[in-house]
C-alpha cells in the first residue's frame, strides 16, 4: 500500500487529472487500512483540480478479498 505522499502515487494522480476533460468523473476503489488514510488520499487529489463528490469507507471484504476498502468519486473542475 502506498502512502498518500508517495511520489509514484502523486505522479499517477497528476497524469490522470491532466488527461481528463473539464467535468469528467473519476471513480477510485482501493484498499485502505483506516478512514484516515482514505481521507488523506482524497485530500491529495484536490491539488490536481479534482472536486470530491463522494467518499465511502467500508469495513467488509471487497470483491478482490481486501478486508477494508474505500471508494472515491471526483469531478474535474469545469473551465
PDB file of N, CA and C in Angstrom:
ATOM      1  N   UNK A   1       0.849  -1.189   0.000  1.00  0.00           N
ATOM      2  CA  UNK A   1       0.000   0.000   0.000  1.00  0.00           C
ATOM      3  C   UNK A   1       0.884   1.237   0.000  1.00  0.00           C
ATOM      4  N   UNK A   2       0.634   2.127  -0.929  1.00  0.00           N
ATOM      5  CA  UNK A   2       1.374   3.375  -0.999  1.00  0.00           C
ATOM      6  C   UNK A   2       0.819   4.371   0.002  1.00  0.00           C
ATOM      7  N   UNK A   3       1.694   5.195   0.515  1.00  0.00           N
ATOM      8  CA  UNK A   3       1.231   6.275   1.377  1.00  0.00           C
ATOM      9  C   UNK A   3       0.808   7.440   0.495  1.00  0.00           C
ATOM     10  N   UNK A   4      -0.098   8.314   0.999  1.00  0.00           N
ATOM     11  CA  UNK A   4      -0.568   9.439   0.188  1.00  0.00           C
ATOM     12  C   UNK A   4       0.552  10.350  -0.318  1.00  0.00           C
ATOM     13  N   UNK A   5       1.664  10.402   0.383  1.00  0.00           N
ATOM     14  CA  UNK A   5       2.775  11.255  -0.026  1.00  0.00           C
ATOM     15  C   UNK A   5       3.734  10.587  -0.996  1.00  0.00           C
ATOM     16  N   UNK A   6       3.519   9.324  -1.330  1.00  0.00           N
ATOM     17  CA  UNK A   6       4.401   8.565  -2.202  1.00  0.00           C
ATOM     18  C   UNK A   6       4.480   9.229  -3.576  1.00  0.00           C
ATOM     19  N   UNK A   7       5.688   9.401  -4.120  1.00  0.00           N
ATOM     20  CA  UNK A   7       5.887  10.093  -5.391  1.00  0.00           C
ATOM     21  C   UNK A   7       5.196   9.392  -6.551  1.00  0.00           C
ATOM     22  N   UNK A   8       5.209   8.055  -6.574  1.00  0.00           N
ATOM     23  CA  UNK A   8       4.560   7.312  -7.669  1.00  0.00           C
ATOM     24  C   UNK A   8       3.060   7.583  -7.685  1.00  0.00           C
ATOM     25  N   UNK A   9       2.440   7.603  -6.518  1.00  0.00           N
ATOM     26  CA  UNK A   9       1.006   7.887  -6.418  1.00  0.00           C
ATOM     27  C   UNK A   9       0.741   9.319  -6.845  1.00  0.00           C
ATOM     28  N   UNK A  10       1.575  10.236  -6.384  1.00  0.00           N
ATOM     29  CA  UNK A  10       1.423  11.649  -6.730  1.00  0.00           C
ATOM     30  C   UNK A  10       1.510  11.844  -8.246  1.00  0.00           C
ATOM     31  N   UNK A  11       2.490  11.215  -8.885  1.00  0.00           N
ATOM     32  CA  UNK A  11       2.658  11.348 -10.330  1.00  0.00           C
ATOM     33  C   UNK A  11       1.476  10.745 -11.084  1.00  0.00           C
ATOM     34  N   UNK A  12       0.968   9.607 -10.627  1.00  0.00           N
ATOM     35  CA  UNK A  12      -0.181   8.988 -11.270  1.00  0.00           C
ATOM     36  C   UNK A  12      -1.397   9.908 -11.188  1.00  0.00           C
ATOM     37  N   UNK A  13      -1.661  10.445 -10.017  1.00  0.00           N
ATOM     38  CA  UNK A  13      -2.814  11.332  -9.832  1.00  0.00           C
ATOM     39  C   UNK A  13      -2.704  12.560 -10.733  1.00  0.00           C
ATOM     40  N   UNK A  14      -1.526  13.130 -10.821  1.00  0.00           N
ATOM     41  CA  UNK A  14      -1.318  14.302 -11.667  1.00  0.00           C
ATOM     42  C   UNK A  14      -1.548  13.964 -13.134  1.00  0.00           C
ATOM     43  N   UNK A  15      -0.966  12.861 -13.611  1.00  0.00           N
ATOM     44  CA  UNK A  15      -1.128  12.455 -15.012  1.00  0.00           C
ATOM     45  C   UNK A  15      -2.585  12.151 -15.334  1.00  0.00           C
ATOM     46  N   UNK A  16      -3.271  11.476 -14.412  1.00  0.00           N
ATOM     47  CA  UNK A  16      -4.677  11.151 -14.621  1.00  0.00           C
ATOM     48  C   UNK A  16      -5.512  12.424 -14.722  1.00  0.00           C
ATOM     49  N   UNK A  17      -5.337  13.327 -13.765  1.00  0.00           N
ATOM     50  CA  UNK A  17      -6.102  14.579 -13.768  1.00  0.00           C
ATOM     51  C   UNK A  17      -5.820  15.403 -15.023  1.00  0.00           C
ATOM     52  N   UNK A  18      -4.569  15.433 -15.449  1.00  0.00           N
ATOM     53  CA  UNK A  18      -4.205  16.189 -16.651  1.00  0.00           C
ATOM     54  C   UNK A  18      -4.867  15.618 -17.907  1.00  0.00           C
ATOM     55  N   UNK A  19      -5.144  14.333 -17.911  1.00  0.00           N
ATOM     56  CA  UNK A  19      -5.709  13.688 -19.096  1.00  0.00           C
ATOM     57  C   UNK A  19      -7.224  13.860 -19.219  1.00  0.00           C
ATOM     58  N   UNK A  20      -7.873  14.352 -18.173  1.00  0.00           N
ATOM     59  CA  UNK A  20      -9.331  14.461 -18.164  1.00  0.00           C
ATOM     60  C   UNK A  20      -9.827  15.769 -18.769  1.00  0.00           C
ATOM     61  N   UNK A  21     -10.977  15.689 -19.389  1.00  0.00           N
ATOM     62  CA  UNK A  21     -11.668  16.894 -19.843  1.00  0.00           C
ATOM     63  C   UNK A  21     -12.382  17.521 -18.654  1.00  0.00           C
ATOM     64  N   UNK A  22     -12.644  18.808 -18.725  1.00  0.00           N
ATOM     65  CA  UNK A  22     -13.392  19.504 -17.671  1.00  0.00           C
ATOM     66  C   UNK A  22     -14.758  18.849 -17.503  1.00  0.00           C
ATOM     67  N   UNK A  23     -15.143  18.602 -16.258  1.00  0.00           N
ATOM     68  CA  UNK A  23     -16.431  17.993 -15.953  1.00  0.00           C
ATOM     69  C   UNK A  23     -16.404  16.473 -15.902  1.00  0.00           C
ATOM     70  N   UNK A  24     -15.277  15.852 -16.286  1.00  0.00           N
ATOM     71  CA  UNK A  24     -15.166  14.387 -16.278  1.00  0.00           C
ATOM     72  C   UNK A  24     -15.149  13.863 -14.842  1.00  0.00           C
ATOM     73  N   UNK A  25     -15.547  12.610 -14.689  1.00  0.00           N
ATOM     74  CA  UNK A  25     -15.589  11.957 -13.380  1.00  0.00           C
ATOM     75  C   UNK A  25     -14.473  10.933 -13.255  1.00  0.00           C
ATOM     76  N   UNK A  26     -14.016  10.741 -12.024  1.00  0.00           N
ATOM     77  CA  UNK A  26     -13.043   9.703 -11.689  1.00  0.00           C
ATOM     78  C   UNK A  26     -13.600   8.925 -10.509  1.00  0.00           C
ATOM     79  N   UNK A  27     -13.618   7.595 -10.640  1.00  0.00           N
ATOM     80  CA  UNK A  27     -14.014   6.721  -9.538  1.00  0.00           C
ATOM     81  C   UNK A  27     -12.789   5.911  -9.146  1.00  0.00           C
ATOM     82  N   UNK A  28     -12.492   5.883  -7.873  1.00  0.00           N
ATOM     83  CA  UNK A  28     -11.362   5.115  -7.369  1.00  0.00           C
ATOM     84  C   UNK A  28     -11.866   4.172  -6.283  1.00  0.00           C
ATOM     85  N   UNK A  29     -11.473   2.918  -6.370  1.00  0.00           N
ATOM     86  CA  UNK A  29     -11.800   1.935  -5.328  1.00  0.00           C
ATOM     87  C   UNK A  29     -10.515   1.193  -5.018  1.00  0.00           C
ATOM     88  N   UNK A  30     -10.026   1.369  -3.798  1.00  0.00           N
ATOM     89  CA  UNK A  30      -8.733   0.820  -3.403  1.00  0.00           C
ATOM     90  C   UNK A  30      -8.786   0.356  -1.953  1.00  0.00           C
ATOM     91  N   UNK A  31      -7.828  -0.506  -1.563  1.00  0.00           N
ATOM     92  CA  UNK A  31      -7.728  -0.893  -0.158  1.00  0.00           C
ATOM     93  C   UNK A  31      -7.193   0.270   0.687  1.00  0.00           C
ATOM     94  N   UNK A  32      -7.779   0.470   1.838  1.00  0.00           N
ATOM     95  CA  UNK A  32      -7.324   1.478   2.797  1.00  0.00           C
ATOM     96  C   UNK A  32      -7.387   0.860   4.182  1.00  0.00           C
ATOM     97  N   UNK A  33      -6.342   1.082   4.963  1.00  0.00           N
ATOM     98  CA  UNK A  33      -6.291   0.493   6.295  1.00  0.00           C
ATOM     99  C   UNK A  33      -7.260   1.162   7.266  1.00  0.00           C
ATOM    100  N   UNK A  34      -7.422   2.473   7.128  1.00  0.00           N
ATOM    101  CA  UNK A  34      -8.272   3.224   8.053  1.00  0.00           C
ATOM    102  C   UNK A  34      -9.027   4.314   7.290  1.00  0.00           C
ATOM    103  N   UNK A  35     -10.095   4.853   7.891  1.00  0.00           N
ATOM    104  CA  UNK A  35     -10.769   6.001   7.267  1.00  0.00           C
ATOM    105  C   UNK A  35      -9.827   7.196   7.090  1.00  0.00           C
ATOM    106  N   UNK A  36      -8.864   7.354   7.986  1.00  0.00           N
ATOM    107  CA  UNK A  36      -7.905   8.471   7.899  1.00  0.00           C
ATOM    108  C   UNK A  36      -7.048   8.364   6.645  1.00  0.00           C
ATOM    109  N   UNK A  37      -6.579   7.162   6.315  1.00  0.00           N
ATOM    110  CA  UNK A  37      -5.763   7.017   5.109  1.00  0.00           C
ATOM    111  C   UNK A  37      -6.584   7.322   3.862  1.00  0.00           C
ATOM    112  N   UNK A  38      -7.856   6.965   3.874  1.00  0.00           N
ATOM    113  CA  UNK A  38      -8.745   7.291   2.747  1.00  0.00           C
ATOM    114  C   UNK A  38      -8.946   8.799   2.646  1.00  0.00           C
ATOM    115  N   UNK A  39      -9.191   9.435   3.771  1.00  0.00           N
ATOM    116  CA  UNK A  39      -9.391  10.886   3.801  1.00  0.00           C
ATOM    117  C   UNK A  39      -8.138  11.622   3.329  1.00  0.00           C
ATOM    118  N   UNK A  40      -6.967  11.156   3.757  1.00  0.00           N
ATOM    119  CA  UNK A  40      -5.705  11.764   3.322  1.00  0.00           C
ATOM    120  C   UNK A  40      -5.537  11.644   1.815  1.00  0.00           C
ATOM    121  N   UNK A  41      -5.879  10.484   1.266  1.00  0.00           N
ATOM    122  CA  UNK A  41      -5.780  10.285  -0.186  1.00  0.00           C
ATOM    123  C   UNK A  41      -6.720  11.241  -0.916  1.00  0.00           C
ATOM    124  N   UNK A  42      -7.937  11.372  -0.426  1.00  0.00           N
ATOM    125  CA  UNK A  42      -8.908  12.273  -1.054  1.00  0.00           C
ATOM    126  C   UNK A  42      -8.386  13.705  -1.059  1.00  0.00           C
ATOM    127  N   UNK A  43      -7.793  14.137   0.026  1.00  0.00           N
ATOM    128  CA  UNK A  43      -7.250  15.499   0.110  1.00  0.00           C
ATOM    129  C   UNK A  43      -6.133  15.713  -0.905  1.00  0.00           C
ATOM    130  N   UNK A  44      -5.303  14.692  -1.095  1.00  0.00           N
ATOM    131  CA  UNK A  44      -4.164  14.853  -2.004  1.00  0.00           C
ATOM    132  C   UNK A  44      -4.619  15.037  -3.452  1.00  0.00           C
ATOM    133  N   UNK A  45      -5.764  14.487  -3.836  1.00  0.00           N
ATOM    134  CA  UNK A  45      -6.254  14.611  -5.211  1.00  0.00           C
ATOM    135  C   UNK A  45      -6.801  16.011  -5.496  1.00  0.00           C
ATOM    136  N   UNK A  46      -7.189  16.743  -4.486  1.00  0.00           N
ATOM    137  CA  UNK A  46      -7.741  18.088  -4.681  1.00  0.00           C
ATOM    138  C   UNK A  46      -6.732  19.033  -5.324  1.00  0.00           C
ATOM    139  N   UNK A  47      -5.453  18.799  -5.087  1.00  0.00           N
ATOM    140  CA  UNK A  47      -4.404  19.660  -5.635  1.00  0.00           C
ATOM    141  C   UNK A  47      -4.361  19.598  -7.160  1.00  0.00           C
ATOM    142  N   UNK A  48      -5.003  18.604  -7.745  1.00  0.00           N
ATOM    143  CA  UNK A  48      -4.980  18.426  -9.200  1.00  0.00           C
ATOM    144  C   UNK A  48      -6.272  18.888  -9.859  1.00  0.00           C
ATOM    145  N   UNK A  49      -7.059  19.691  -9.157  1.00  0.00           N
ATOM    146  CA  UNK A  49      -8.287  20.238  -9.724  1.00  0.00           C
ATOM    147  C   UNK A  49      -9.452  19.268  -9.722  1.00  0.00           C
ATOM    148  N   UNK A  50      -9.401  18.286  -8.827  1.00  0.00           N
ATOM    149  CA  UNK A  50     -10.486  17.320  -8.717  1.00  0.00           C
ATOM    150  C   UNK A  50     -11.315  17.613  -7.474  1.00  0.00           C
ATOM    151  N   UNK A  51     -12.610  17.748  -7.657  1.00  0.00           N
ATOM    152  CA  UNK A  51     -13.531  18.038  -6.560  1.00  0.00           C
ATOM    153  C   UNK A  51     -14.104  16.719  -6.035  1.00  0.00           C
ATOM    154  N   UNK A  52     -13.985  16.496  -4.732  1.00  0.00           N
ATOM    155  CA  UNK A  52     -14.513  15.281  -4.114  1.00  0.00           C
ATOM    156  C   UNK A  52     -16.033  15.363  -4.040  1.00  0.00           C
ATOM    157  N   UNK A  53     -16.713  14.390  -4.640  1.00  0.00           N
ATOM    158  CA  UNK A  53     -18.173  14.332  -4.607  1.00  0.00           C
ATOM    159  C   UNK A  53     -18.687  13.296  -3.614  1.00  0.00           C
ATOM    160  N   UNK A  54     -17.936  12.217  -3.439  1.00  0.00           N
ATOM    161  CA  UNK A  54     -18.367  11.156  -2.526  1.00  0.00           C
ATOM    162  C   UNK A  54     -17.151  10.415  -1.991  1.00  0.00           C
ATOM    163  N   UNK A  55     -17.193  10.105  -0.703  1.00  0.00           N
ATOM    164  CA  UNK A  55     -16.163   9.324  -0.028  1.00  0.00           C
ATOM    165  C   UNK A  55     -16.876   8.238   0.754  1.00  0.00           C
ATOM    166  N   UNK A  56     -16.457   7.002   0.570  1.00  0.00           N
ATOM    167  CA  UNK A  56     -17.102   5.878   1.252  1.00  0.00           C
ATOM    168  C   UNK A  56     -16.028   4.922   1.758  1.00  0.00           C
ATOM    169  N   UNK A  57     -16.055   4.603   3.053  1.00  0.00           N
ATOM    170  CA  UNK A  57     -15.121   3.645   3.651  1.00  0.00           C
ATOM    171  C   UNK A  57     -15.913   2.428   4.096  1.00  0.00           C
ATOM    172  N   UNK A  58     -15.448   1.235   3.721  1.00  0.00           N
ATOM    173  CA  UNK A  58     -16.164   0.006   4.047  1.00  0.00           C
ATOM    174  C   UNK A  58     -15.267  -0.930   4.843  1.00  0.00           C
ATOM    175  N   UNK A  59     -15.764  -1.400   5.965  1.00  0.00           N
ATOM    176  CA  UNK A  59     -15.062  -2.411   6.756  1.00  0.00           C
ATOM    177  C   UNK A  59     -15.719  -3.761   6.502  1.00  0.00           C
ATOM    178  N   UNK A  60     -15.581  -4.205   5.275  1.00  0.00           N
ATOM    179  CA  UNK A  60     -16.099  -5.503   4.863  1.00  0.00           C
ATOM    180  C   UNK A  60     -15.216  -5.996   3.726  1.00  0.00           C
ATOM    181  N   UNK A  61     -15.306  -7.258   3.425  1.00  0.00           N
ATOM    182  CA  UNK A  61     -14.449  -7.810   2.384  1.00  0.00           C
ATOM    183  C   UNK A  61     -14.880  -7.317   1.007  1.00  0.00           C
ATOM    184  N   UNK A  62     -13.888  -6.844   0.265  1.00  0.00           N
ATOM    185  CA  UNK A  62     -14.149  -6.375  -1.097  1.00  0.00           C
ATOM    186  C   UNK A  62     -14.266  -7.569  -2.041  1.00  0.00           C
ATOM    187  N   UNK A  63     -14.634  -7.288  -3.279  1.00  0.00           N
ATOM    188  CA  UNK A  63     -14.721  -8.338  -4.294  1.00  0.00           C
ATOM    189  C   UNK A  63     -13.371  -9.005  -4.532  1.00  0.00           C
ATOM    190  N   UNK A  64     -12.288  -8.278  -4.303  1.00  0.00           N
ATOM    191  CA  UNK A  64     -10.950  -8.821  -4.548  1.00  0.00           C
ATOM    192  C   UNK A  64     -10.292  -9.339  -3.266  1.00  0.00           C
ATOM    193  N   UNK A  65     -11.048  -9.396  -2.152  1.00  0.00           N
ATOM    194  CA  UNK A  65     -10.556 -10.017  -0.927  1.00  0.00           C
ATOM    195  C   UNK A  65      -9.940  -9.102   0.107  1.00  0.00           C
ATOM    196  N   UNK A  66      -9.879  -7.806  -0.140  1.00  0.00           N
ATOM    197  CA  UNK A  66      -9.317  -6.844   0.818  1.00  0.00           C
ATOM    198  C   UNK A  66     -10.312  -6.629   1.957  1.00  0.00           C
ATOM    199  N   UNK A  67      -9.868  -6.678   3.219  1.00  0.00           N
ATOM    200  CA  UNK A  67     -10.825  -6.539   4.333  1.00  0.00           C
ATOM    201  C   UNK A  67     -11.389  -5.127   4.520  1.00  0.00           C
ATOM    202  N   UNK A  68     -10.664  -4.090   4.186  1.00  0.00           N
ATOM    203  CA  UNK A  68     -11.140  -2.707   4.299  1.00  0.00           C
ATOM    204  C   UNK A  68     -10.841  -2.000   2.989  1.00  0.00           C
ATOM    205  N   UNK A  69     -11.798  -1.226   2.512  1.00  0.00           N
ATOM    206  CA  UNK A  69     -11.551  -0.519   1.263  1.00  0.00           C
ATOM    207  C   UNK A  69     -12.349   0.771   1.230  1.00  0.00           C
ATOM    208  N   UNK A  70     -11.977   1.620   0.295  1.00  0.00           N
ATOM    209  CA  UNK A  70     -12.656   2.895   0.155  1.00  0.00           C
ATOM    210  C   UNK A  70     -12.976   3.180  -1.291  1.00  0.00           C
ATOM    211  N   UNK A  71     -13.998   3.997  -1.462  1.00  0.00           N
ATOM    212  CA  UNK A  71     -14.397   4.459  -2.795  1.00  0.00           C
ATOM    213  C   UNK A  71     -14.413   5.979  -2.782  1.00  0.00           C
ATOM    214  N   UNK A  72     -13.895   6.544  -3.851  1.00  0.00           N
ATOM    215  CA  UNK A  72     -13.858   7.990  -4.006  1.00  0.00           C
ATOM    216  C   UNK A  72     -14.475   8.338  -5.355  1.00  0.00           C
ATOM    217  N   UNK A  73     -15.255   9.385  -5.394  1.00  0.00           N
ATOM    218  CA  UNK A  73     -15.803   9.903  -6.645  1.00  0.00           C
ATOM    219  C   UNK A  73     -15.397  11.369  -6.739  1.00  0.00           C
ATOM    220  N   UNK A  74     -14.703  11.690  -7.816  1.00  0.00           N
ATOM    221  CA  UNK A  74     -14.239  13.059  -8.054  1.00  0.00           C
ATOM    222  C   UNK A  74     -14.803  13.553  -9.384  1.00  0.00           C
ATOM    223  N   UNK A  75     -14.839  14.882  -9.521  1.00  0.00           N
ATOM    224  CA  UNK A  75     -15.143  15.505 -10.799  1.00  0.00           C
ATOM    225  C   UNK A  75     -14.078  16.557 -11.066  1.00  0.00           C
ATOM    226  N   UNK A  76     -13.583  16.555 -12.309  1.00  0.00           N
ATOM    227  CA  UNK A  76     -12.591  17.575 -12.671  1.00  0.00           C
ATOM    228  C   UNK A  76     -13.308  18.912 -12.798  1.00  0.00           C
ATOM    229  N   UNK A  77     -12.673  19.941 -12.264  1.00  0.00           N
ATOM    230  CA  UNK A  77     -13.264  21.281 -12.298  1.00  0.00           C
ATOM    231  C   UNK A  77     -13.601  21.683 -13.721  1.00  0.00           C
ATOM    232  N   UNK A  78     -14.745  22.323 -13.856  1.00  0.00           N
ATOM    233  CA  UNK A  78     -15.168  22.815 -15.175  1.00  0.00           C
ATOM    234  C   UNK A  78     -14.474  24.133 -15.449  1.00  0.00           C
ATOM    235  N   UNK A  79     -14.062  24.312 -16.678  1.00  0.00           N
ATOM    236  CA  UNK A  79     -13.328  25.535 -17.062  1.00  0.00           C
ATOM    237  C   UNK A  79     -14.223  26.741 -17.060  1.00  0.00           C
TER     238      UNK A  79
END
